[in-house]
């Protein structure tokens, strides 16, 4: 059965005339202090090209109106020769909404201040493949919050990009990206927990309190699955840290002190937030 976090966002019948927009508000920022004056020309159109790339690429034909918020910050380390070409070395940080944050310390692409960024699923390109990798990775996690394990194919696409990158002449960082795609796609407990969390909030908003409690309990089952395999797994902690206040408020409204107690044990970093929810229940 298909469950929707925000039903109005899922387009079941896609018309040709519809403009696809998996990514919505996009912010791009640079730190170019380590670049020389003549090297900064790479930045002249890069921000607008990245925004165009994420907005105009058809990442998925079914989810056509997600409008995922995306922030990209790139720290340029310099320009270095590689064979007959010059390559840009950089670090990058991708953040999306409250759920996703990825830091990449091994960015390398060919220095070229002309042309558009275009992703070819067959031919590897150091620049477009890098940004497409994170585009599919973020989209996969987002779709998981609409359909249980719905992001499988997009995780696989990201993984295939990483495999091609790792075997290319521009392999810097791609081994780590391949590992990242495996970590995220195989973290089934977190993927189940995220879907259950968003579905529980939707049910709570609709006044279906008993079903909401069931989904919050399913969220706990998913988190337990994570902790059984990876105690204090970073992406699970990031998810909990960003949703602790919403969880505390929702569960205090439902009067579910037993779920709050379990969260307190799993997420000790936000113990005070959960304690405040206990106080609300006891009043």
C-alpha atoms as a PDB file:
ATOM      1  CA  UNK A   1       0.000   0.000   0.000  1.00  0.00           C
ATOM      2  CA  UNK A   2       1.239   3.497  -0.800  1.00  0.00           C
ATOM      3  CA  UNK A   3       1.221   6.100   1.955  1.00  0.00           C
ATOM      4  CA  UNK A   4       1.919   9.762   1.313  1.00  0.00           C
ATOM      5  CA  UNK A   5       3.634  12.265   3.590  1.00  0.00           C
ATOM      6  CA  UNK A   6       2.020  15.119   1.673  1.00  0.00           C
ATOM      7  CA  UNK A   7      -0.532  13.628  -0.724  1.00  0.00           C
ATOM      8  CA  UNK A   8      -0.976  16.824  -2.707  1.00  0.00           C
ATOM      9  CA  UNK A   9       2.647  16.650  -3.800  1.00  0.00           C
ATOM     10  CA  UNK A  10       2.439  13.265  -5.511  1.00  0.00           C
ATOM     11  CA  UNK A  11       1.396  13.434  -9.130  1.00  0.00           C
ATOM     12  CA  UNK A  12       0.098  10.052 -10.196  1.00  0.00           C
ATOM     13  CA  UNK A  13      -0.492  11.013 -13.816  1.00  0.00           C
ATOM     14  CA  UNK A  14       2.306  13.051 -15.326  1.00  0.00           C
ATOM     15  CA  UNK A  15       1.354  15.218 -18.271  1.00  0.00           C
ATOM     16  CA  UNK A  16       3.955  16.176 -20.847  1.00  0.00           C
ATOM     17  CA  UNK A  17       3.201  19.834 -20.314  1.00  0.00           C
ATOM     18  CA  UNK A  18       4.048  19.720 -16.599  1.00  0.00           C
ATOM     19  CA  UNK A  19       7.377  21.255 -15.659  1.00  0.00           C
ATOM     20  CA  UNK A  20       9.230  18.774 -13.478  1.00  0.00           C
ATOM     21  CA  UNK A  21      10.629  20.194 -10.265  1.00  0.00           C
ATOM     22  CA  UNK A  22      12.024  17.673  -7.823  1.00  0.00           C
ATOM     23  CA  UNK A  23      14.208  20.434  -6.376  1.00  0.00           C
ATOM     24  CA  UNK A  24      12.727  23.743  -5.265  1.00  0.00           C
ATOM     25  CA  UNK A  25      14.543  26.490  -3.384  1.00  0.00           C
ATOM     26  CA  UNK A  26      18.256  26.117  -4.141  1.00  0.00           C
ATOM     27  CA  UNK A  27      21.010  28.111  -2.469  1.00  0.00           C
ATOM     28  CA  UNK A  28      24.605  27.952  -3.702  1.00  0.00           C
ATOM     29  CA  UNK A  29      27.519  29.603  -1.907  1.00  0.00           C
ATOM     30  CA  UNK A  30      31.287  29.553  -2.426  1.00  0.00           C
ATOM     31  CA  UNK A  31      34.455  30.091  -0.422  1.00  0.00           C
ATOM     32  CA  UNK A  32      37.081  31.058  -3.007  1.00  0.00           C
ATOM     33  CA  UNK A  33      39.769  32.535  -0.768  1.00  0.00           C
ATOM     34  CA  UNK A  34      42.328  29.931  -1.852  1.00  0.00           C
ATOM     35  CA  UNK A  35      41.816  30.581  -5.557  1.00  0.00           C
ATOM     36  CA  UNK A  36      44.021  32.969  -7.497  1.00  0.00           C
ATOM     37  CA  UNK A  37      42.450  35.898  -9.288  1.00  0.00           C
ATOM     38  CA  UNK A  38      42.464  34.309 -12.746  1.00  0.00           C
ATOM     39  CA  UNK A  39      41.151  31.020 -11.332  1.00  0.00           C
ATOM     40  CA  UNK A  40      37.969  32.623 -10.021  1.00  0.00           C
ATOM     41  CA  UNK A  41      36.455  32.775 -13.495  1.00  0.00           C
ATOM     42  CA  UNK A  42      35.199  29.225 -12.863  1.00  0.00           C
ATOM     43  CA  UNK A  43      32.727  30.811 -10.443  1.00  0.00           C
ATOM     44  CA  UNK A  44      31.226  33.320 -12.850  1.00  0.00           C
ATOM     45  CA  UNK A  45      28.329  31.106 -13.897  1.00  0.00           C
ATOM     46  CA  UNK A  46      28.698  28.057 -11.685  1.00  0.00           C
ATOM     47  CA  UNK A  47      26.037  29.057  -9.156  1.00  0.00           C
ATOM     48  CA  UNK A  48      23.408  29.725 -11.822  1.00  0.00           C
ATOM     49  CA  UNK A  49      24.397  26.553 -13.690  1.00  0.00           C
ATOM     50  CA  UNK A  50      23.975  24.462 -10.542  1.00  0.00           C
ATOM     51  CA  UNK A  51      20.559  25.937  -9.855  1.00  0.00           C
ATOM     52  CA  UNK A  52      19.523  25.295 -13.451  1.00  0.00           C
ATOM     53  CA  UNK A  53      20.930  21.752 -13.289  1.00  0.00           C
ATOM     54  CA  UNK A  54      19.022  20.724 -10.158  1.00  0.00           C
ATOM     55  CA  UNK A  55      15.777  22.418 -11.181  1.00  0.00           C
ATOM     56  CA  UNK A  56      15.657  21.309 -14.814  1.00  0.00           C
ATOM     57  CA  UNK A  57      16.991  17.764 -14.644  1.00  0.00           C
ATOM     58  CA  UNK A  58      14.247  15.131 -14.742  1.00  0.00           C
ATOM     59  CA  UNK A  59      15.364  13.133 -11.715  1.00  0.00           C
ATOM     60  CA  UNK A  60      12.159  11.112 -11.492  1.00  0.00           C
ATOM     61  CA  UNK A  61       9.106  10.865 -13.746  1.00  0.00           C
ATOM     62  CA  UNK A  62       6.621  10.045 -10.969  1.00  0.00           C
ATOM     63  CA  UNK A  63       7.493  12.481  -8.198  1.00  0.00           C
ATOM     64  CA  UNK A  64       7.301  15.615 -10.273  1.00  0.00           C
ATOM     65  CA  UNK A  65       6.510  18.292  -7.696  1.00  0.00           C
ATOM     66  CA  UNK A  66       8.516  17.609  -4.548  1.00  0.00           C
ATOM     67  CA  UNK A  67      10.298  20.982  -4.483  1.00  0.00           C
ATOM     68  CA  UNK A  68      13.063  19.670  -2.225  1.00  0.00           C
ATOM     69  CA  UNK A  69      15.014  22.552  -0.651  1.00  0.00           C
ATOM     70  CA  UNK A  70      18.738  22.261  -1.292  1.00  0.00           C
ATOM     71  CA  UNK A  71      21.756  24.158  -0.045  1.00  0.00           C
ATOM     72  CA  UNK A  72      25.231  23.669  -1.529  1.00  0.00           C
ATOM     73  CA  UNK A  73      28.366  25.230  -0.085  1.00  0.00           C
ATOM     74  CA  UNK A  74      31.657  24.699  -1.919  1.00  0.00           C
ATOM     75  CA  UNK A  75      35.091  25.504  -0.513  1.00  0.00           C
ATOM     76  CA  UNK A  76      37.637  25.712  -3.317  1.00  0.00           C
ATOM     77  CA  UNK A  77      41.126  24.465  -2.472  1.00  0.00           C
ATOM     78  CA  UNK A  78      42.795  25.401  -5.737  1.00  0.00           C
ATOM     79  CA  UNK A  79      43.492  24.373  -9.324  1.00  0.00           C
ATOM     80  CA  UNK A  80      45.913  21.526 -10.039  1.00  0.00           C
ATOM     81  CA  UNK A  81      47.241  20.006 -13.273  1.00  0.00           C
ATOM     82  CA  UNK A  82      46.240  16.473 -14.211  1.00  0.00           C
ATOM     83  CA  UNK A  83      47.781  15.328 -17.460  1.00  0.00           C
ATOM     84  CA  UNK A  84      46.895  17.813 -20.162  1.00  0.00           C
ATOM     85  CA  UNK A  85      44.043  19.457 -18.228  1.00  0.00           C
ATOM     86  CA  UNK A  86      43.611  21.615 -15.148  1.00  0.00           C
ATOM     87  CA  UNK A  87      41.360  20.304 -12.366  1.00  0.00           C
ATOM     88  CA  UNK A  88      39.573  22.095  -9.570  1.00  0.00           C
ATOM     89  CA  UNK A  89      39.988  20.645  -6.064  1.00  0.00           C
ATOM     90  CA  UNK A  90      37.310  21.451  -3.505  1.00  0.00           C
ATOM     91  CA  UNK A  91      35.221  20.427  -0.534  1.00  0.00           C
ATOM     92  CA  UNK A  92      31.426  20.525  -0.558  1.00  0.00           C
ATOM     93  CA  UNK A  93      28.532  20.470   1.884  1.00  0.00           C
ATOM     94  CA  UNK A  94      25.023  19.459   0.793  1.00  0.00           C
ATOM     95  CA  UNK A  95      22.073  20.026   3.109  1.00  0.00           C
ATOM     96  CA  UNK A  96      18.408  19.393   2.424  1.00  0.00           C
ATOM     97  CA  UNK A  97      15.592  20.317   4.767  1.00  0.00           C
ATOM     98  CA  UNK A  98      15.913  18.853   8.253  1.00  0.00           C
ATOM     99  CA  UNK A  99      16.928  15.311   7.303  1.00  0.00           C
ATOM    100  CA  UNK A 100      20.032  15.311   5.177  1.00  0.00           C
ATOM    101  CA  UNK A 101      23.550  16.691   5.502  1.00  0.00           C
ATOM    102  CA  UNK A 102      26.521  15.374   3.516  1.00  0.00           C
ATOM    103  CA  UNK A 103      30.076  16.652   3.674  1.00  0.00           C
ATOM    104  CA  UNK A 104      32.451  15.731   0.855  1.00  0.00           C
ATOM    105  CA  UNK A 105      36.168  16.453   1.187  1.00  0.00           C
ATOM    106  CA  UNK A 106      37.378  14.977  -2.109  1.00  0.00           C
ATOM    107  CA  UNK A 107      35.807  16.990  -4.927  1.00  0.00           C
ATOM    108  CA  UNK A 108      37.689  17.103  -8.234  1.00  0.00           C
ATOM    109  CA  UNK A 109      36.458  18.204 -11.628  1.00  0.00           C
ATOM    110  CA  UNK A 110      37.945  19.532 -14.846  1.00  0.00           C
ATOM    111  CA  UNK A 111      38.498  23.278 -14.891  1.00  0.00           C
ATOM    112  CA  UNK A 112      36.241  24.661 -17.586  1.00  0.00           C
ATOM    113  CA  UNK A 113      34.469  27.991 -17.404  1.00  0.00           C
ATOM    114  CA  UNK A 114      32.286  27.364 -20.449  1.00  0.00           C
ATOM    115  CA  UNK A 115      29.305  25.152 -21.194  1.00  0.00           C
ATOM    116  CA  UNK A 116      26.336  23.838 -19.267  1.00  0.00           C
ATOM    117  CA  UNK A 117      26.266  21.112 -16.642  1.00  0.00           C
ATOM    118  CA  UNK A 118      24.532  18.087 -18.135  1.00  0.00           C
ATOM    119  CA  UNK A 119      24.388  14.601 -16.653  1.00  0.00           C
ATOM    120  CA  UNK A 120      24.752  11.638 -18.980  1.00  0.00           C
ATOM    121  CA  UNK A 121      23.763   8.362 -17.246  1.00  0.00           C
ATOM    122  CA  UNK A 122      26.192   6.422 -19.439  1.00  0.00           C
ATOM    123  CA  UNK A 123      29.228   8.677 -19.836  1.00  0.00           C
ATOM    124  CA  UNK A 124      31.086   9.714 -16.690  1.00  0.00           C
ATOM    125  CA  UNK A 125      31.901  13.393 -16.263  1.00  0.00           C
ATOM    126  CA  UNK A 126      33.808  14.534 -13.138  1.00  0.00           C
ATOM    127  CA  UNK A 127      31.609  17.596 -12.585  1.00  0.00           C
ATOM    128  CA  UNK A 128      28.100  16.620 -13.673  1.00  0.00           C
ATOM    129  CA  UNK A 129      28.405  13.079 -12.271  1.00  0.00           C
ATOM    130  CA  UNK A 130      29.475  14.477  -8.902  1.00  0.00           C
ATOM    131  CA  UNK A 131      26.461  16.776  -8.598  1.00  0.00           C
ATOM    132  CA  UNK A 132      24.136  14.111 -10.037  1.00  0.00           C
ATOM    133  CA  UNK A 133      25.364  11.628  -7.409  1.00  0.00           C
ATOM    134  CA  UNK A 134      24.154  13.860  -4.594  1.00  0.00           C
ATOM    135  CA  UNK A 135      21.021  14.749  -6.530  1.00  0.00           C
ATOM    136  CA  UNK A 136      19.960  11.097  -6.668  1.00  0.00           C
ATOM    137  CA  UNK A 137      21.142  10.380  -3.123  1.00  0.00           C
ATOM    138  CA  UNK A 138      19.069  13.211  -1.633  1.00  0.00           C
ATOM    139  CA  UNK A 139      16.074  12.361  -3.800  1.00  0.00           C
ATOM    140  CA  UNK A 140      16.231   8.702  -2.712  1.00  0.00           C
ATOM    141  CA  UNK A 141      16.049   9.631   0.953  1.00  0.00           C
ATOM    142  CA  UNK A 142      13.214  12.087   0.313  1.00  0.00           C
ATOM    143  CA  UNK A 143      11.119   9.538  -1.583  1.00  0.00           C
ATOM    144  CA  UNK A 144      11.618   7.085   1.299  1.00  0.00           C
ATOM    145  CA  UNK A 145       9.476   9.436   3.392  1.00  0.00           C
ATOM    146  CA  UNK A 146       6.564   9.059   0.948  1.00  0.00           C
ATOM    147  CA  UNK A 147       6.730   5.336   0.134  1.00  0.00           C
ATOM    148  CA  UNK A 148       8.411   2.639   2.270  1.00  0.00           C
ATOM    149  CA  UNK A 149      11.806   1.924   0.645  1.00  0.00           C
ATOM    150  CA  UNK A 150      10.653   4.006  -2.314  1.00  0.00           C
ATOM    151  CA  UNK A 151      14.120   5.378  -2.956  1.00  0.00           C
ATOM    152  CA  UNK A 152      15.724   2.037  -3.886  1.00  0.00           C
ATOM    153  CA  UNK A 153      16.156   2.761  -7.591  1.00  0.00           C
ATOM    154  CA  UNK A 154      17.616   6.207  -6.935  1.00  0.00           C
ATOM    155  CA  UNK A 155      20.102   4.824  -4.408  1.00  0.00           C
ATOM    156  CA  UNK A 156      21.097   2.310  -7.067  1.00  0.00           C
ATOM    157  CA  UNK A 157      21.570   5.080  -9.632  1.00  0.00           C
ATOM    158  CA  UNK A 158      23.792   6.987  -7.191  1.00  0.00           C
ATOM    159  CA  UNK A 159      25.759   3.826  -6.527  1.00  0.00           C
ATOM    160  CA  UNK A 160      26.279   3.195 -10.251  1.00  0.00           C
ATOM    161  CA  UNK A 161      27.579   6.736 -10.682  1.00  0.00           C
ATOM    162  CA  UNK A 162      30.029   6.150  -7.828  1.00  0.00           C
ATOM    163  CA  UNK A 163      31.227   2.884  -9.362  1.00  0.00           C
ATOM    164  CA  UNK A 164      31.950   4.606 -12.667  1.00  0.00           C
ATOM    165  CA  UNK A 165      33.664   7.466 -10.870  1.00  0.00           C
ATOM    166  CA  UNK A 166      35.821   5.135  -8.805  1.00  0.00           C
ATOM    167  CA  UNK A 167      37.091   3.415 -11.942  1.00  0.00           C
ATOM    168  CA  UNK A 168      37.652   6.644 -13.883  1.00  0.00           C
ATOM    169  CA  UNK A 169      40.766   8.788 -14.274  1.00  0.00           C
ATOM    170  CA  UNK A 170      39.210  11.203 -11.766  1.00  0.00           C
ATOM    171  CA  UNK A 171      38.666   8.785  -8.889  1.00  0.00           C
ATOM    172  CA  UNK A 172      39.344  11.237  -6.052  1.00  0.00           C
ATOM    173  CA  UNK A 173      36.615  10.828  -3.441  1.00  0.00           C
ATOM    174  CA  UNK A 174      34.547   8.269  -5.330  1.00  0.00           C
ATOM    175  CA  UNK A 175      35.458   5.338  -3.097  1.00  0.00           C
ATOM    176  CA  UNK A 176      34.030   7.276  -0.143  1.00  0.00           C
ATOM    177  CA  UNK A 177      30.915   8.169  -2.148  1.00  0.00           C
ATOM    178  CA  UNK A 178      30.395   4.527  -3.057  1.00  0.00           C
ATOM    179  CA  UNK A 179      30.624   3.649   0.622  1.00  0.00           C
ATOM    180  CA  UNK A 180      28.202   6.466   1.486  1.00  0.00           C
ATOM    181  CA  UNK A 181      25.588   5.206  -0.978  1.00  0.00           C
ATOM    182  CA  UNK A 182      25.869   1.718   0.525  1.00  0.00           C
ATOM    183  CA  UNK A 183      25.636   3.000   4.109  1.00  0.00           C
ATOM    184  CA  UNK A 184      22.498   5.005   3.398  1.00  0.00           C
ATOM    185  CA  UNK A 185      20.715   2.473   1.205  1.00  0.00           C
ATOM    186  CA  UNK A 186      21.456  -0.436   3.559  1.00  0.00           C
ATOM    187  CA  UNK A 187      20.419   1.432   6.704  1.00  0.00           C
ATOM    188  CA  UNK A 188      16.952  -0.097   6.513  1.00  0.00           C
ATOM    189  CA  UNK A 189      16.115   0.753  10.109  1.00  0.00           C
ATOM    190  CA  UNK A 190      16.556   4.492   9.567  1.00  0.00           C
ATOM    191  CA  UNK A 191      14.714   4.351   6.267  1.00  0.00           C
ATOM    192  CA  UNK A 192      11.742   2.653   7.972  1.00  0.00           C
ATOM    193  CA  UNK A 193      11.907   5.086  10.893  1.00  0.00           C
ATOM    194  CA  UNK A 194      11.842   8.156   8.656  1.00  0.00           C
ATOM    195  CA  UNK A 195       8.810   6.949   6.734  1.00  0.00           C
ATOM    196  CA  UNK A 196       6.973   6.050   9.944  1.00  0.00           C
ATOM    197  CA  UNK A 197       7.813   9.453  11.486  1.00  0.00           C
ATOM    198  CA  UNK A 198       6.367  11.464   8.617  1.00  0.00           C
ATOM    199  CA  UNK A 199       3.354   9.217   8.262  1.00  0.00           C
ATOM    200  CA  UNK A 200       2.694   9.487  12.001  1.00  0.00           C
ATOM    201  CA  UNK A 201       2.725  13.298  11.752  1.00  0.00           C
ATOM    202  CA  UNK A 202       0.295  13.177   8.840  1.00  0.00           C
ATOM    203  CA  UNK A 203      -2.063  10.901  10.761  1.00  0.00           C
ATOM    204  CA  UNK A 204      -1.816  13.143  13.821  1.00  0.00           C
ATOM    205  CA  UNK A 205      -2.664  16.175  11.718  1.00  0.00           C
ATOM    206  CA  UNK A 206      -5.692  14.320  10.339  1.00  0.00           C
ATOM    207  CA  UNK A 207      -6.874  13.474  13.857  1.00  0.00           C
ATOM    208  CA  UNK A 208      -6.218   9.736  13.515  1.00  0.00           C
ATOM    209  CA  UNK A 209      -4.569   9.452  16.900  1.00  0.00           C
ATOM    210  CA  UNK A 210      -4.447   5.678  17.359  1.00  0.00           C
ATOM    211  CA  UNK A 211      -2.949   5.154  13.927  1.00  0.00           C
ATOM    212  CA  UNK A 212      -0.462   7.931  14.615  1.00  0.00           C
ATOM    213  CA  UNK A 213       0.690   6.152  17.774  1.00  0.00           C
ATOM    214  CA  UNK A 214       1.096   2.932  15.782  1.00  0.00           C
ATOM    215  CA  UNK A 215       3.404   4.682  13.337  1.00  0.00           C
ATOM    216  CA  UNK A 216       5.430   6.297  16.100  1.00  0.00           C
ATOM    217  CA  UNK A 217       5.891   2.801  17.505  1.00  0.00           C
ATOM    218  CA  UNK A 218       6.983   1.641  14.044  1.00  0.00           C
ATOM    219  CA  UNK A 219       9.483   4.476  14.078  1.00  0.00           C
ATOM    220  CA  UNK A 220      10.891   3.144  17.352  1.00  0.00           C
ATOM    221  CA  UNK A 221      11.161  -0.338  15.828  1.00  0.00           C
ATOM    222  CA  UNK A 222      13.163   1.126  12.959  1.00  0.00           C
ATOM    223  CA  UNK A 223      15.442   3.030  15.341  1.00  0.00           C
ATOM    224  CA  UNK A 224      15.970  -0.118  17.417  1.00  0.00           C
ATOM    225  CA  UNK A 225      17.003  -1.897  14.230  1.00  0.00           C
ATOM    226  CA  UNK A 226      19.608   0.793  13.600  1.00  0.00           C
ATOM    227  CA  UNK A 227      20.973   0.730  17.132  1.00  0.00           C
ATOM    228  CA  UNK A 228      21.243  -3.055  17.119  1.00  0.00           C
ATOM    229  CA  UNK A 229      23.657  -2.777  14.185  1.00  0.00           C
ATOM    230  CA  UNK A 230      25.242   0.669  14.496  1.00  0.00           C
ATOM    231  CA  UNK A 231      25.117   2.315  17.947  1.00  0.00           C
ATOM    232  CA  UNK A 232      25.144   6.114  17.542  1.00  0.00           C
ATOM    233  CA  UNK A 233      25.070   5.952  13.754  1.00  0.00           C
ATOM    234  CA  UNK A 234      25.676   9.517  12.509  1.00  0.00           C
ATOM    235  CA  UNK A 235      22.815   9.898  10.043  1.00  0.00           C
ATOM    236  CA  UNK A 236      20.320   8.498  12.544  1.00  0.00           C
ATOM    237  CA  UNK A 237      21.560  10.918  15.196  1.00  0.00           C
ATOM    238  CA  UNK A 238      21.264  13.773  12.717  1.00  0.00           C
ATOM    239  CA  UNK A 239      17.668  12.779  11.959  1.00  0.00           C
ATOM    240  CA  UNK A 240      16.771  12.610  15.654  1.00  0.00           C
ATOM    241  CA  UNK A 241      18.548  15.829  16.514  1.00  0.00           C
ATOM    242  CA  UNK A 242      16.616  17.752  13.877  1.00  0.00           C
ATOM    243  CA  UNK A 243      13.231  16.299  14.813  1.00  0.00           C
ATOM    244  CA  UNK A 244      13.550  16.008  18.599  1.00  0.00           C
ATOM    245  CA  UNK A 245      11.343  19.037  19.337  1.00  0.00           C
ATOM    246  CA  UNK A 246       8.602  17.907  16.953  1.00  0.00           C
ATOM    247  CA  UNK A 247       8.744  14.393  18.393  1.00  0.00           C
ATOM    248  CA  UNK A 248       8.544  15.719  21.951  1.00  0.00           C
ATOM    249  CA  UNK A 249       5.587  17.990  21.184  1.00  0.00           C
ATOM    250  CA  UNK A 250       3.694  15.344  19.205  1.00  0.00           C
ATOM    251  CA  UNK A 251       4.173  12.582  21.759  1.00  0.00           C
ATOM    252  CA  UNK A 252       3.287  14.831  24.688  1.00  0.00           C
ATOM    253  CA  UNK A 253       0.090  15.761  22.834  1.00  0.00           C
ATOM    254  CA  UNK A 254      -0.651  12.049  22.459  1.00  0.00           C
ATOM    255  CA  UNK A 255       0.347  11.351  26.076  1.00  0.00           C
ATOM    256  CA  UNK A 256       2.800   8.611  25.050  1.00  0.00           C
ATOM    257  CA  UNK A 257       5.340   8.732  27.844  1.00  0.00           C
ATOM    258  CA  UNK A 258       6.584   5.203  27.067  1.00  0.00           C
ATOM    259  CA  UNK A 259       7.652   6.245  23.550  1.00  0.00           C
ATOM    260  CA  UNK A 260       9.267   9.371  24.942  1.00  0.00           C
ATOM    261  CA  UNK A 261      11.207   7.272  27.447  1.00  0.00           C
ATOM    262  CA  UNK A 262      12.508   5.040  24.668  1.00  0.00           C
ATOM    263  CA  UNK A 263      13.542   8.084  22.635  1.00  0.00           C
ATOM    264  CA  UNK A 264      15.305   9.493  25.672  1.00  0.00           C
ATOM    265  CA  UNK A 265      17.318   6.284  25.943  1.00  0.00           C
ATOM    266  CA  UNK A 266      18.111   6.193  22.232  1.00  0.00           C
ATOM    267  CA  UNK A 267      18.796   9.905  21.853  1.00  0.00           C
ATOM    268  CA  UNK A 268      20.519  11.029  25.040  1.00  0.00           C
ATOM    269  CA  UNK A 269      21.823  14.166  23.285  1.00  0.00           C
ATOM    270  CA  UNK A 270      18.284  15.587  23.406  1.00  0.00           C
ATOM    271  CA  UNK A 271      17.374  14.341  26.869  1.00  0.00           C
ATOM    272  CA  UNK A 272      16.280  17.784  28.075  1.00  0.00           C
ATOM    273  CA  UNK A 273      13.830  18.172  25.190  1.00  0.00           C
ATOM    274  CA  UNK A 274      12.178  14.846  25.980  1.00  0.00           C
ATOM    275  CA  UNK A 275      12.120  15.668  29.709  1.00  0.00           C
ATOM    276  CA  UNK A 276      10.194  18.841  28.929  1.00  0.00           C
ATOM    277  CA  UNK A 277       7.601  16.709  27.162  1.00  0.00           C
ATOM    278  CA  UNK A 278       7.209  14.516  30.267  1.00  0.00           C
ATOM    279  CA  UNK A 279       6.420  17.664  32.243  1.00  0.00           C
ATOM    280  CA  UNK A 280       3.635  18.589  29.805  1.00  0.00           C
ATOM    281  CA  UNK A 281       2.100  15.108  30.102  1.00  0.00           C
ATOM    282  CA  UNK A 282       2.118  15.197  33.912  1.00  0.00           C
ATOM    283  CA  UNK A 283       0.233  18.497  34.089  1.00  0.00           C
END
